[in-house]
Amino acid sequence: MDDKKSWLKDRIGEYASSLLLNNDEIISALCDIASVIREVRNSNKTVYFAGNGASTTIASHAALDYTNQLAVKCHAMNDPNFITCFANDFGYDDFMSRTAKLYCGQDDVVILISSSGESPNVIAAAKTAREKGCKVITLSGFNSENTLRTLGDINLWLDSTQYNVVECIHMIWLVMVCDLIVSEESDKVGLHGVNL
């Protein structure tokens, strides 16, 4: 029992560590992302979210929150029909890139989430989004020199190699951006977000 408690205390400490959540670089990046999201809304552009596995769920959650609470047009690139069609026709490594090519426009924003920062389909999507004139925001972990981290205009990176830690912190970061904008615009916000 003591071993379990010790392990849990260590893990909780990892989540709570100022190195993970509370440093100037992360705070500045979160503020920058909030500014980008406001710009997208003001210019009637779209935010696209994408990731694999648990990062797909994070993408859906963020897309819903930003749409519902901030009145930003958002889409998660995870429709099963598109994934299976594009993966079948063009290969799994290119299904996100294909989606970005067909849907993303100049000055849209693409937010790409990958724990390792080395998922080939996420990297391909980042490159295509840049070619389309989109602003690219990346969330990654593991190696500080991962490929995805080199492709964004804003790059959030977590110094951890634990999948669950990286994924949970990515979710917290994206929700914090949403909450920051809501708090700044509290005079315009009702119970469920921006009044339309």
N, C-alpha and C. Protein backbone atom coordinates (compact mmCIF):
# COMPACT_ATOMS: atom_id res chain seq x y z
N MET A 1 0.81 -1.20 0.00
CA MET A 1 0.00 0.00 0.00
C MET A 1 0.85 1.27 0.00
N ASP A 2 1.93 1.25 0.79
CA ASP A 2 2.81 2.42 0.83
C ASP A 2 3.45 2.69 -0.52
N ASP A 3 3.78 1.61 -1.27
CA ASP A 3 4.36 1.78 -2.60
C ASP A 3 3.37 2.47 -3.54
N LYS A 4 2.10 2.08 -3.45
CA LYS A 4 1.08 2.69 -4.29
C LYS A 4 0.92 4.17 -3.96
N LYS A 5 0.88 4.48 -2.68
CA LYS A 5 0.73 5.88 -2.26
C LYS A 5 1.94 6.70 -2.70
N SER A 6 3.11 6.11 -2.57
CA SER A 6 4.33 6.82 -2.97
C SER A 6 4.32 7.10 -4.47
N TRP A 7 3.90 6.08 -5.26
CA TRP A 7 3.84 6.25 -6.72
C TRP A 7 2.87 7.35 -7.08
N LEU A 8 1.68 7.33 -6.44
CA LEU A 8 0.66 8.33 -6.75
C LEU A 8 1.12 9.73 -6.35
N LYS A 9 1.79 9.85 -5.22
CA LYS A 9 2.31 11.15 -4.80
C LYS A 9 3.33 11.67 -5.80
N ASP A 10 4.18 10.77 -6.28
CA ASP A 10 5.17 11.18 -7.30
C ASP A 10 4.49 11.64 -8.57
N ARG A 11 3.46 10.90 -9.01
CA ARG A 11 2.77 11.26 -10.24
C ARG A 11 2.01 12.57 -10.08
N ILE A 12 1.36 12.75 -8.94
CA ILE A 12 0.66 14.01 -8.69
C ILE A 12 1.66 15.15 -8.67
N GLY A 13 2.83 14.90 -8.10
CA GLY A 13 3.88 15.92 -8.10
C GLY A 13 4.34 16.28 -9.50
N GLU A 14 4.36 15.28 -10.39
CA GLU A 14 4.76 15.52 -11.77
C GLU A 14 3.74 16.43 -12.46
N TYR A 15 2.46 16.17 -12.23
CA TYR A 15 1.43 17.02 -12.81
C TYR A 15 1.51 18.44 -12.25
N ALA A 16 1.75 18.53 -10.96
CA ALA A 16 1.70 19.83 -10.29
C ALA A 16 2.98 20.64 -10.45
N SER A 17 4.03 20.01 -10.91
CA SER A 17 5.33 20.67 -10.98
C SER A 17 5.27 21.97 -11.78
N SER A 18 5.93 22.97 -11.26
CA SER A 18 5.97 24.26 -11.98
C SER A 18 6.68 24.10 -13.32
N LEU A 19 7.52 23.09 -13.45
CA LEU A 19 8.19 22.86 -14.73
C LEU A 19 7.18 22.45 -15.80
N LEU A 20 6.07 21.83 -15.38
CA LEU A 20 5.07 21.38 -16.35
C LEU A 20 4.03 22.45 -16.66
N LEU A 21 3.61 23.19 -15.65
CA LEU A 21 2.44 24.04 -15.83
C LEU A 21 2.68 25.53 -15.63
N ASN A 22 3.69 25.91 -14.90
CA ASN A 22 3.76 27.30 -14.49
C ASN A 22 5.14 27.88 -14.74
N ASN A 23 5.48 28.07 -16.00
CA ASN A 23 6.72 28.77 -16.30
C ASN A 23 6.43 29.85 -17.34
N ASP A 24 7.32 30.82 -17.42
CA ASP A 24 7.07 31.99 -18.25
C ASP A 24 6.89 31.65 -19.72
N GLU A 25 7.64 30.68 -20.22
CA GLU A 25 7.54 30.31 -21.63
C GLU A 25 6.15 29.77 -21.96
N ILE A 26 5.64 28.89 -21.10
CA ILE A 26 4.30 28.33 -21.32
C ILE A 26 3.24 29.41 -21.18
N ILE A 27 3.34 30.24 -20.15
CA ILE A 27 2.36 31.30 -19.93
C ILE A 27 2.31 32.23 -21.14
N SER A 28 3.48 32.61 -21.65
CA SER A 28 3.54 33.50 -22.82
C SER A 28 2.91 32.84 -24.04
N ALA A 29 3.20 31.55 -24.24
CA ALA A 29 2.64 30.84 -25.39
C ALA A 29 1.12 30.73 -25.28
N LEU A 30 0.61 30.47 -24.08
CA LEU A 30 -0.84 30.39 -23.90
C LEU A 30 -1.50 31.74 -24.20
N CYS A 31 -0.88 32.83 -23.78
CA CYS A 31 -1.39 34.17 -24.09
C CYS A 31 -1.38 34.42 -25.60
N ASP A 32 -0.29 33.97 -26.26
CA ASP A 32 -0.20 34.13 -27.71
C ASP A 32 -1.29 33.35 -28.43
N ILE A 33 -1.56 32.14 -27.95
CA ILE A 33 -2.61 31.32 -28.56
C ILE A 33 -3.97 31.99 -28.38
N ALA A 34 -4.22 32.54 -27.20
CA ALA A 34 -5.48 33.24 -26.96
C ALA A 34 -5.65 34.40 -27.94
N SER A 35 -4.57 35.13 -28.19
CA SER A 35 -4.63 36.24 -29.16
C SER A 35 -4.95 35.73 -30.56
N VAL A 36 -4.35 34.62 -30.93
CA VAL A 36 -4.61 34.03 -32.25
C VAL A 36 -6.07 33.60 -32.37
N ILE A 37 -6.61 32.99 -31.32
CA ILE A 37 -8.00 32.53 -31.36
C ILE A 37 -8.95 33.72 -31.50
N ARG A 38 -8.69 34.79 -30.79
CA ARG A 38 -9.52 35.99 -30.93
C ARG A 38 -9.44 36.56 -32.35
N GLU A 39 -8.23 36.56 -32.91
CA GLU A 39 -8.07 37.05 -34.29
C GLU A 39 -8.88 36.21 -35.27
N VAL A 40 -8.84 34.90 -35.08
CA VAL A 40 -9.59 34.00 -35.96
C VAL A 40 -11.08 34.31 -35.88
N ARG A 41 -11.57 34.46 -34.68
CA ARG A 41 -13.00 34.77 -34.51
C ARG A 41 -13.34 36.10 -35.16
N ASN A 42 -12.52 37.11 -34.92
CA ASN A 42 -12.81 38.45 -35.44
C ASN A 42 -12.77 38.51 -36.96
N SER A 43 -11.97 37.64 -37.57
CA SER A 43 -11.85 37.63 -39.03
C SER A 43 -12.72 36.55 -39.67
N ASN A 44 -13.53 35.88 -38.85
CA ASN A 44 -14.45 34.84 -39.33
C ASN A 44 -13.73 33.69 -40.03
N LYS A 45 -12.55 33.37 -39.54
CA LYS A 45 -11.81 32.22 -40.04
C LYS A 45 -12.13 30.99 -39.20
N THR A 46 -11.41 29.90 -39.44
CA THR A 46 -11.72 28.63 -38.80
C THR A 46 -10.49 28.05 -38.11
N VAL A 47 -10.73 27.38 -36.99
CA VAL A 47 -9.67 26.65 -36.29
C VAL A 47 -9.90 25.16 -36.51
N TYR A 48 -8.86 24.46 -36.94
CA TYR A 48 -8.92 23.01 -37.13
C TYR A 48 -8.02 22.35 -36.09
N PHE A 49 -8.52 21.31 -35.45
CA PHE A 49 -7.77 20.55 -34.46
C PHE A 49 -7.55 19.13 -34.98
N ALA A 50 -6.38 18.56 -34.70
CA ALA A 50 -6.14 17.18 -35.13
C ALA A 50 -5.12 16.49 -34.22
N GLY A 51 -5.27 15.19 -34.10
CA GLY A 51 -4.34 14.35 -33.36
C GLY A 51 -4.72 12.90 -33.55
N ASN A 52 -3.93 12.01 -33.00
CA ASN A 52 -4.20 10.58 -33.08
C ASN A 52 -4.58 10.05 -31.70
N GLY A 53 -5.38 8.98 -31.68
CA GLY A 53 -5.68 8.32 -30.41
C GLY A 53 -6.30 9.26 -29.40
N ALA A 54 -5.73 9.31 -28.19
CA ALA A 54 -6.26 10.19 -27.15
C ALA A 54 -6.19 11.65 -27.58
N SER A 55 -5.21 11.98 -28.41
CA SER A 55 -5.11 13.36 -28.90
C SER A 55 -6.28 13.73 -29.80
N THR A 56 -6.90 12.74 -30.42
CA THR A 56 -8.12 12.99 -31.20
C THR A 56 -9.25 13.42 -30.28
N THR A 57 -9.34 12.76 -29.13
CA THR A 57 -10.36 13.12 -28.15
C THR A 57 -10.12 14.53 -27.63
N ILE A 58 -8.86 14.87 -27.38
CA ILE A 58 -8.51 16.22 -26.94
C ILE A 58 -8.92 17.23 -28.02
N ALA A 59 -8.66 16.89 -29.28
CA ALA A 59 -9.02 17.78 -30.39
C ALA A 59 -10.53 18.02 -30.41
N SER A 60 -11.32 16.97 -30.24
CA SER A 60 -12.78 17.12 -30.24
C SER A 60 -13.26 17.97 -29.07
N HIS A 61 -12.69 17.71 -27.91
CA HIS A 61 -13.07 18.47 -26.71
C HIS A 61 -12.77 19.96 -26.90
N ALA A 62 -11.58 20.26 -27.38
CA ALA A 62 -11.19 21.66 -27.57
C ALA A 62 -12.06 22.33 -28.64
N ALA A 63 -12.31 21.63 -29.74
CA ALA A 63 -13.13 22.20 -30.81
C ALA A 63 -14.53 22.53 -30.29
N LEU A 64 -15.09 21.65 -29.48
CA LEU A 64 -16.41 21.89 -28.91
C LEU A 64 -16.39 23.09 -27.96
N ASP A 65 -15.42 23.13 -27.05
CA ASP A 65 -15.35 24.23 -26.09
C ASP A 65 -15.16 25.58 -26.78
N TYR A 66 -14.27 25.63 -27.75
CA TYR A 66 -14.00 26.90 -28.41
C TYR A 66 -15.21 27.37 -29.22
N THR A 67 -15.92 26.43 -29.82
CA THR A 67 -17.12 26.79 -30.57
C THR A 67 -18.23 27.25 -29.63
N ASN A 68 -18.48 26.45 -28.60
CA ASN A 68 -19.60 26.72 -27.70
C ASN A 68 -19.35 27.94 -26.82
N GLN A 69 -18.17 28.05 -26.25
CA GLN A 69 -17.91 29.10 -25.27
C GLN A 69 -17.36 30.39 -25.88
N LEU A 70 -16.71 30.27 -27.04
CA LEU A 70 -16.05 31.44 -27.62
C LEU A 70 -16.66 31.88 -28.95
N ALA A 71 -17.59 31.11 -29.47
CA ALA A 71 -18.21 31.41 -30.77
C ALA A 71 -17.18 31.47 -31.88
N VAL A 72 -16.22 30.55 -31.82
CA VAL A 72 -15.20 30.42 -32.87
C VAL A 72 -15.58 29.22 -33.74
N LYS A 73 -15.48 29.38 -35.06
CA LYS A 73 -15.74 28.24 -35.95
C LYS A 73 -14.58 27.25 -35.80
N CYS A 74 -14.91 26.04 -35.34
CA CYS A 74 -13.87 25.02 -35.12
C CYS A 74 -14.32 23.68 -35.66
N HIS A 75 -13.34 22.91 -36.12
CA HIS A 75 -13.60 21.54 -36.57
C HIS A 75 -12.45 20.65 -36.10
N ALA A 76 -12.80 19.44 -35.70
CA ALA A 76 -11.79 18.42 -35.40
C ALA A 76 -11.69 17.51 -36.62
N MET A 77 -10.46 17.27 -37.06
CA MET A 77 -10.24 16.45 -38.27
C MET A 77 -10.32 14.96 -37.92
N ASN A 78 -11.48 14.53 -37.44
CA ASN A 78 -11.56 13.13 -37.02
C ASN A 78 -12.86 12.44 -37.40
N ASP A 79 -13.52 12.94 -38.42
CA ASP A 79 -14.71 12.25 -38.91
C ASP A 79 -14.31 10.87 -39.42
N PRO A 80 -14.91 9.80 -38.88
CA PRO A 80 -14.50 8.44 -39.28
C PRO A 80 -14.60 8.18 -40.77
N ASN A 81 -15.60 8.79 -41.43
CA ASN A 81 -15.75 8.57 -42.87
C ASN A 81 -14.57 9.15 -43.64
N PHE A 82 -14.15 10.35 -43.25
CA PHE A 82 -13.01 10.96 -43.92
C PHE A 82 -11.72 10.20 -43.62
N ILE A 83 -11.55 9.82 -42.36
CA ILE A 83 -10.33 9.09 -41.98
C ILE A 83 -10.21 7.81 -42.80
N THR A 84 -11.28 7.02 -42.81
CA THR A 84 -11.20 5.74 -43.51
C THR A 84 -11.10 5.91 -45.01
N CYS A 85 -11.80 6.90 -45.56
CA CYS A 85 -11.72 7.14 -47.00
C CYS A 85 -10.32 7.61 -47.39
N PHE A 86 -9.84 8.67 -46.75
CA PHE A 86 -8.55 9.23 -47.13
C PHE A 86 -7.41 8.28 -46.80
N ALA A 87 -7.51 7.56 -45.68
CA ALA A 87 -6.46 6.60 -45.33
C ALA A 87 -6.43 5.46 -46.34
N ASN A 88 -7.61 5.03 -46.77
CA ASN A 88 -7.68 3.96 -47.76
C ASN A 88 -7.14 4.41 -49.11
N ASP A 89 -7.50 5.63 -49.52
CA ASP A 89 -7.13 6.10 -50.86
C ASP A 89 -5.73 6.69 -50.94
N PHE A 90 -5.28 7.30 -49.85
CA PHE A 90 -4.00 8.02 -49.90
C PHE A 90 -2.98 7.54 -48.86
N GLY A 91 -3.40 6.65 -47.95
CA GLY A 91 -2.51 6.17 -46.91
C GLY A 91 -2.74 6.90 -45.60
N TYR A 92 -2.60 6.18 -44.50
CA TYR A 92 -2.88 6.76 -43.19
C TYR A 92 -1.99 7.97 -42.89
N ASP A 93 -0.76 7.93 -43.38
CA ASP A 93 0.16 9.03 -43.11
C ASP A 93 -0.28 10.34 -43.76
N ASP A 94 -1.21 10.27 -44.70
CA ASP A 94 -1.62 11.48 -45.42
C ASP A 94 -3.07 11.89 -45.20
N PHE A 95 -3.80 11.19 -44.32
CA PHE A 95 -5.22 11.53 -44.22
C PHE A 95 -5.44 12.93 -43.63
N MET A 96 -4.64 13.33 -42.66
CA MET A 96 -4.80 14.69 -42.10
C MET A 96 -4.35 15.74 -43.10
N SER A 97 -3.28 15.45 -43.80
CA SER A 97 -2.78 16.37 -44.81
C SER A 97 -3.82 16.58 -45.90
N ARG A 98 -4.47 15.50 -46.31
CA ARG A 98 -5.51 15.58 -47.33
C ARG A 98 -6.68 16.44 -46.84
N THR A 99 -7.06 16.25 -45.60
CA THR A 99 -8.13 17.05 -45.02
C THR A 99 -7.73 18.53 -44.99
N ALA A 100 -6.51 18.80 -44.56
CA ALA A 100 -6.02 20.18 -44.52
C ALA A 100 -6.00 20.79 -45.92
N LYS A 101 -5.58 19.99 -46.90
CA LYS A 101 -5.50 20.49 -48.28
C LYS A 101 -6.88 20.89 -48.80
N LEU A 102 -7.90 20.10 -48.47
CA LEU A 102 -9.23 20.33 -49.01
C LEU A 102 -10.03 21.37 -48.23
N TYR A 103 -9.74 21.53 -46.95
CA TYR A 103 -10.59 22.38 -46.11
C TYR A 103 -9.94 23.67 -45.65
N CYS A 104 -8.67 23.64 -45.33
CA CYS A 104 -8.04 24.81 -44.72
C CYS A 104 -7.82 25.91 -45.74
N GLY A 105 -7.99 27.15 -45.28
CA GLY A 105 -7.78 28.30 -46.14
C GLY A 105 -6.77 29.26 -45.54
N GLN A 106 -6.39 30.23 -46.34
CA GLN A 106 -5.45 31.26 -45.90
C GLN A 106 -5.93 31.88 -44.58
N ASP A 107 -5.01 31.96 -43.62
CA ASP A 107 -5.25 32.59 -42.32
C ASP A 107 -6.13 31.78 -41.38
N ASP A 108 -6.51 30.57 -41.76
CA ASP A 108 -7.11 29.66 -40.78
C ASP A 108 -6.01 29.24 -39.82
N VAL A 109 -6.41 28.58 -38.74
CA VAL A 109 -5.45 28.10 -37.74
C VAL A 109 -5.59 26.59 -37.62
N VAL A 110 -4.47 25.90 -37.59
CA VAL A 110 -4.46 24.45 -37.41
C VAL A 110 -3.70 24.15 -36.13
N ILE A 111 -4.38 23.48 -35.19
CA ILE A 111 -3.78 23.10 -33.92
C ILE A 111 -3.56 21.60 -33.93
N LEU A 112 -2.30 21.20 -33.89
CA LEU A 112 -1.91 19.79 -34.03
C LEU A 112 -1.35 19.27 -32.72
N ILE A 113 -1.85 18.11 -32.31
CA ILE A 113 -1.54 17.54 -31.00
C ILE A 113 -0.89 16.18 -31.19
N SER A 114 0.31 16.00 -30.65
CA SER A 114 1.00 14.72 -30.74
C SER A 114 1.93 14.57 -29.54
N SER A 115 1.71 13.54 -28.74
CA SER A 115 2.56 13.34 -27.56
C SER A 115 4.03 13.27 -27.93
N SER A 116 4.35 12.48 -28.94
CA SER A 116 5.75 12.30 -29.33
C SER A 116 6.26 13.41 -30.24
N GLY A 117 5.35 14.05 -30.95
CA GLY A 117 5.75 15.03 -31.94
C GLY A 117 6.35 14.41 -33.18
N GLU A 118 6.21 13.10 -33.32
CA GLU A 118 6.81 12.40 -34.46
C GLU A 118 5.80 11.61 -35.29
N SER A 119 4.51 11.81 -35.08
CA SER A 119 3.51 11.09 -35.86
C SER A 119 3.55 11.58 -37.31
N PRO A 120 3.81 10.69 -38.26
CA PRO A 120 3.96 11.12 -39.66
C PRO A 120 2.74 11.88 -40.20
N ASN A 121 1.53 11.46 -39.82
CA ASN A 121 0.35 12.13 -40.36
C ASN A 121 0.18 13.53 -39.78
N VAL A 122 0.57 13.73 -38.54
CA VAL A 122 0.48 15.06 -37.93
C VAL A 122 1.54 15.98 -38.54
N ILE A 123 2.73 15.45 -38.75
CA ILE A 123 3.80 16.24 -39.38
C ILE A 123 3.40 16.64 -40.80
N ALA A 124 2.83 15.70 -41.55
CA ALA A 124 2.39 16.00 -42.92
C ALA A 124 1.31 17.08 -42.91
N ALA A 125 0.40 17.01 -41.94
CA ALA A 125 -0.65 18.02 -41.85
C ALA A 125 -0.07 19.40 -41.55
N ALA A 126 0.94 19.45 -40.69
CA ALA A 126 1.58 20.73 -40.37
C ALA A 126 2.20 21.35 -41.63
N LYS A 127 2.86 20.54 -42.40
CA LYS A 127 3.51 21.04 -43.62
C LYS A 127 2.46 21.54 -44.63
N THR A 128 1.39 20.78 -44.79
CA THR A 128 0.33 21.19 -45.73
C THR A 128 -0.35 22.46 -45.25
N ALA A 129 -0.62 22.55 -43.97
CA ALA A 129 -1.27 23.75 -43.42
C ALA A 129 -0.41 24.98 -43.66
N ARG A 130 0.89 24.85 -43.49
CA ARG A 130 1.78 25.99 -43.74
C ARG A 130 1.73 26.38 -45.21
N GLU A 131 1.72 25.39 -46.09
CA GLU A 131 1.64 25.66 -47.53
C GLU A 131 0.34 26.38 -47.89
N LYS A 132 -0.72 26.11 -47.14
CA LYS A 132 -2.02 26.73 -47.40
C LYS A 132 -2.13 28.13 -46.79
N GLY A 133 -1.10 28.57 -46.10
CA GLY A 133 -1.12 29.90 -45.49
C GLY A 133 -1.80 29.95 -44.15
N CYS A 134 -1.87 28.80 -43.47
CA CYS A 134 -2.46 28.74 -42.14
C CYS A 134 -1.42 29.04 -41.07
N LYS A 135 -1.90 29.50 -39.94
CA LYS A 135 -1.05 29.59 -38.76
C LYS A 135 -1.10 28.22 -38.10
N VAL A 136 0.05 27.69 -37.69
CA VAL A 136 0.12 26.35 -37.11
C VAL A 136 0.54 26.46 -35.64
N ILE A 137 -0.23 25.80 -34.79
CA ILE A 137 0.08 25.70 -33.37
C ILE A 137 0.28 24.23 -33.04
N THR A 138 1.37 23.91 -32.35
CA THR A 138 1.64 22.51 -32.03
C THR A 138 1.70 22.29 -30.53
N LEU A 139 1.25 21.10 -30.13
CA LEU A 139 1.39 20.63 -28.76
C LEU A 139 2.07 19.28 -28.81
N SER A 140 3.18 19.15 -28.13
CA SER A 140 3.93 17.89 -28.15
C SER A 140 4.60 17.66 -26.80
N GLY A 141 5.31 16.54 -26.71
CA GLY A 141 6.06 16.19 -25.51
C GLY A 141 7.29 15.38 -25.92
N PHE A 142 7.75 14.55 -24.99
CA PHE A 142 8.88 13.66 -25.24
C PHE A 142 10.14 14.44 -25.60
N ASN A 143 10.74 14.17 -26.73
CA ASN A 143 12.01 14.79 -27.11
C ASN A 143 11.83 16.28 -27.40
N SER A 144 12.69 17.09 -26.81
CA SER A 144 12.58 18.54 -27.01
C SER A 144 12.85 18.96 -28.45
N GLU A 145 13.48 18.07 -29.22
CA GLU A 145 13.79 18.37 -30.62
C GLU A 145 12.89 17.59 -31.57
N ASN A 146 11.69 17.23 -31.12
CA ASN A 146 10.80 16.48 -31.99
C ASN A 146 10.42 17.31 -33.22
N THR A 147 10.10 16.62 -34.29
CA THR A 147 9.87 17.27 -35.58
C THR A 147 8.71 18.25 -35.56
N LEU A 148 7.60 17.86 -34.93
CA LEU A 148 6.42 18.73 -34.93
C LEU A 148 6.73 20.08 -34.30
N ARG A 149 7.55 20.06 -33.27
CA ARG A 149 7.86 21.31 -32.56
C ARG A 149 8.60 22.31 -33.44
N THR A 150 9.19 21.85 -34.52
CA THR A 150 9.92 22.75 -35.42
C THR A 150 9.02 23.35 -36.50
N LEU A 151 7.75 22.93 -36.55
CA LEU A 151 6.89 23.29 -37.67
C LEU A 151 5.81 24.31 -37.34
N GLY A 152 5.68 24.68 -36.08
CA GLY A 152 4.61 25.58 -35.70
C GLY A 152 5.03 27.03 -35.58
N ASP A 153 4.05 27.90 -35.64
CA ASP A 153 4.28 29.31 -35.34
C ASP A 153 4.33 29.51 -33.83
N ILE A 154 3.54 28.70 -33.12
CA ILE A 154 3.57 28.65 -31.66
C ILE A 154 3.68 27.18 -31.29
N ASN A 155 4.63 26.85 -30.41
CA ASN A 155 4.87 25.45 -30.08
C ASN A 155 4.87 25.27 -28.56
N LEU A 156 3.90 24.50 -28.07
CA LEU A 156 3.87 24.13 -26.66
C LEU A 156 4.48 22.75 -26.53
N TRP A 157 5.48 22.65 -25.67
CA TRP A 157 6.16 21.37 -25.49
C TRP A 157 6.22 21.03 -24.02
N LEU A 158 5.97 19.76 -23.69
CA LEU A 158 5.98 19.29 -22.31
C LEU A 158 7.17 18.37 -22.08
N ASP A 159 7.93 18.66 -21.08
CA ASP A 159 9.12 17.87 -20.74
C ASP A 159 8.73 16.63 -19.95
N SER A 160 8.11 15.68 -20.66
CA SER A 160 7.71 14.41 -20.04
C SER A 160 7.66 13.34 -21.13
N THR A 161 7.93 12.11 -20.74
CA THR A 161 7.82 10.98 -21.66
C THR A 161 6.69 10.04 -21.25
N GLN A 162 5.82 10.52 -20.37
CA GLN A 162 4.67 9.73 -19.93
C GLN A 162 3.45 10.14 -20.74
N TYR A 163 2.93 9.21 -21.54
CA TYR A 163 1.82 9.55 -22.43
C TYR A 163 0.66 10.22 -21.69
N ASN A 164 0.23 9.61 -20.59
CA ASN A 164 -0.94 10.15 -19.91
C ASN A 164 -0.67 11.54 -19.34
N VAL A 165 0.53 11.78 -18.86
CA VAL A 165 0.87 13.10 -18.35
C VAL A 165 0.84 14.12 -19.49
N VAL A 166 1.48 13.78 -20.61
CA VAL A 166 1.52 14.70 -21.75
C VAL A 166 0.11 14.99 -22.25
N GLU A 167 -0.70 13.95 -22.41
CA GLU A 167 -2.05 14.14 -22.94
C GLU A 167 -2.92 14.98 -22.00
N CYS A 168 -2.83 14.70 -20.71
CA CYS A 168 -3.65 15.46 -19.75
C CYS A 168 -3.23 16.93 -19.71
N ILE A 169 -1.94 17.19 -19.76
CA ILE A 169 -1.48 18.58 -19.73
C ILE A 169 -1.86 19.30 -21.03
N HIS A 170 -1.79 18.61 -22.16
CA HIS A 170 -2.23 19.22 -23.42
C HIS A 170 -3.69 19.66 -23.30
N MET A 171 -4.52 18.80 -22.71
CA MET A 171 -5.93 19.15 -22.55
C MET A 171 -6.07 20.36 -21.63
N ILE A 172 -5.33 20.36 -20.52
CA ILE A 172 -5.40 21.49 -19.59
C ILE A 172 -4.99 22.78 -20.29
N TRP A 173 -3.90 22.75 -21.06
CA TRP A 173 -3.44 23.95 -21.75
C TRP A 173 -4.53 24.51 -22.67
N LEU A 174 -5.15 23.64 -23.47
CA LEU A 174 -6.16 24.12 -24.42
C LEU A 174 -7.39 24.67 -23.70
N VAL A 175 -7.80 24.03 -22.61
CA VAL A 175 -8.93 24.53 -21.84
C VAL A 175 -8.58 25.84 -21.16
N MET A 176 -7.34 25.98 -20.70
CA MET A 176 -6.91 27.23 -20.07
C MET A 176 -7.00 28.40 -21.04
N VAL A 177 -6.64 28.18 -22.30
CA VAL A 177 -6.76 29.24 -23.31
C VAL A 177 -8.22 29.67 -23.44
N CYS A 178 -9.11 28.69 -23.51
CA CYS A 178 -10.54 28.98 -23.61
C CYS A 178 -10.99 29.78 -22.39
N ASP A 179 -10.63 29.31 -21.21
CA ASP A 179 -11.04 29.98 -19.98
C ASP A 179 -10.46 31.39 -19.87
N LEU A 180 -9.23 31.57 -20.37
CA LEU A 180 -8.61 32.89 -20.35
C LEU A 180 -9.43 33.88 -21.18
N ILE A 181 -9.81 33.46 -22.37
CA ILE A 181 -10.59 34.35 -23.24
C ILE A 181 -11.95 34.64 -22.61
N VAL A 182 -12.59 33.62 -22.05
CA VAL A 182 -13.88 33.83 -21.38
C VAL A 182 -13.72 34.83 -20.25
N SER A 183 -12.66 34.70 -19.46
CA SER A 183 -12.48 35.61 -18.32
C SER A 183 -12.23 37.04 -18.77
N GLU A 184 -11.53 37.19 -19.90
CA GLU A 184 -11.25 38.53 -20.42
C GLU A 184 -12.49 39.20 -20.99
N GLU A 185 -13.44 38.37 -21.42
CA GLU A 185 -14.64 38.90 -22.07
C GLU A 185 -15.88 38.66 -21.22
N SER A 186 -15.69 38.67 -19.90
CA SER A 186 -16.77 38.27 -19.00
C SER A 186 -18.01 39.14 -19.14
N ASP A 187 -17.84 40.38 -19.56
CA ASP A 187 -19.01 41.24 -19.73
C ASP A 187 -19.86 40.82 -20.92
N LYS A 188 -19.29 40.00 -21.82
CA LYS A 188 -20.02 39.54 -23.01
C LYS A 188 -20.49 38.10 -22.87
N VAL A 189 -20.15 37.48 -21.74
CA VAL A 189 -20.31 36.04 -21.61
C VAL A 189 -21.48 35.69 -20.73
N GLY A 190 -22.30 34.74 -21.19
CA GLY A 190 -23.39 34.22 -20.40
C GLY A 190 -22.99 32.92 -19.73
N LEU A 191 -23.94 32.18 -19.27
CA LEU A 191 -23.67 30.95 -18.53
C LEU A 191 -22.88 29.96 -19.37
N HIS A 192 -23.16 29.87 -20.66
CA HIS A 192 -22.52 28.87 -21.51
C HIS A 192 -21.56 29.48 -22.51
N GLY A 193 -21.10 30.68 -22.28
CA GLY A 193 -20.11 31.24 -23.17
C GLY A 193 -20.57 32.54 -23.80
N VAL A 194 -19.97 32.85 -24.94
CA VAL A 194 -20.26 34.12 -25.60
C VAL A 194 -21.71 34.16 -26.06
N ASN A 195 -22.39 35.23 -25.75
CA ASN A 195 -23.78 35.38 -26.22
C ASN A 195 -23.77 35.75 -27.69
N LEU A 196 -24.46 34.98 -28.48
CA LEU A 196 -24.47 35.21 -29.92
C LEU A 196 -25.65 36.08 -30.32
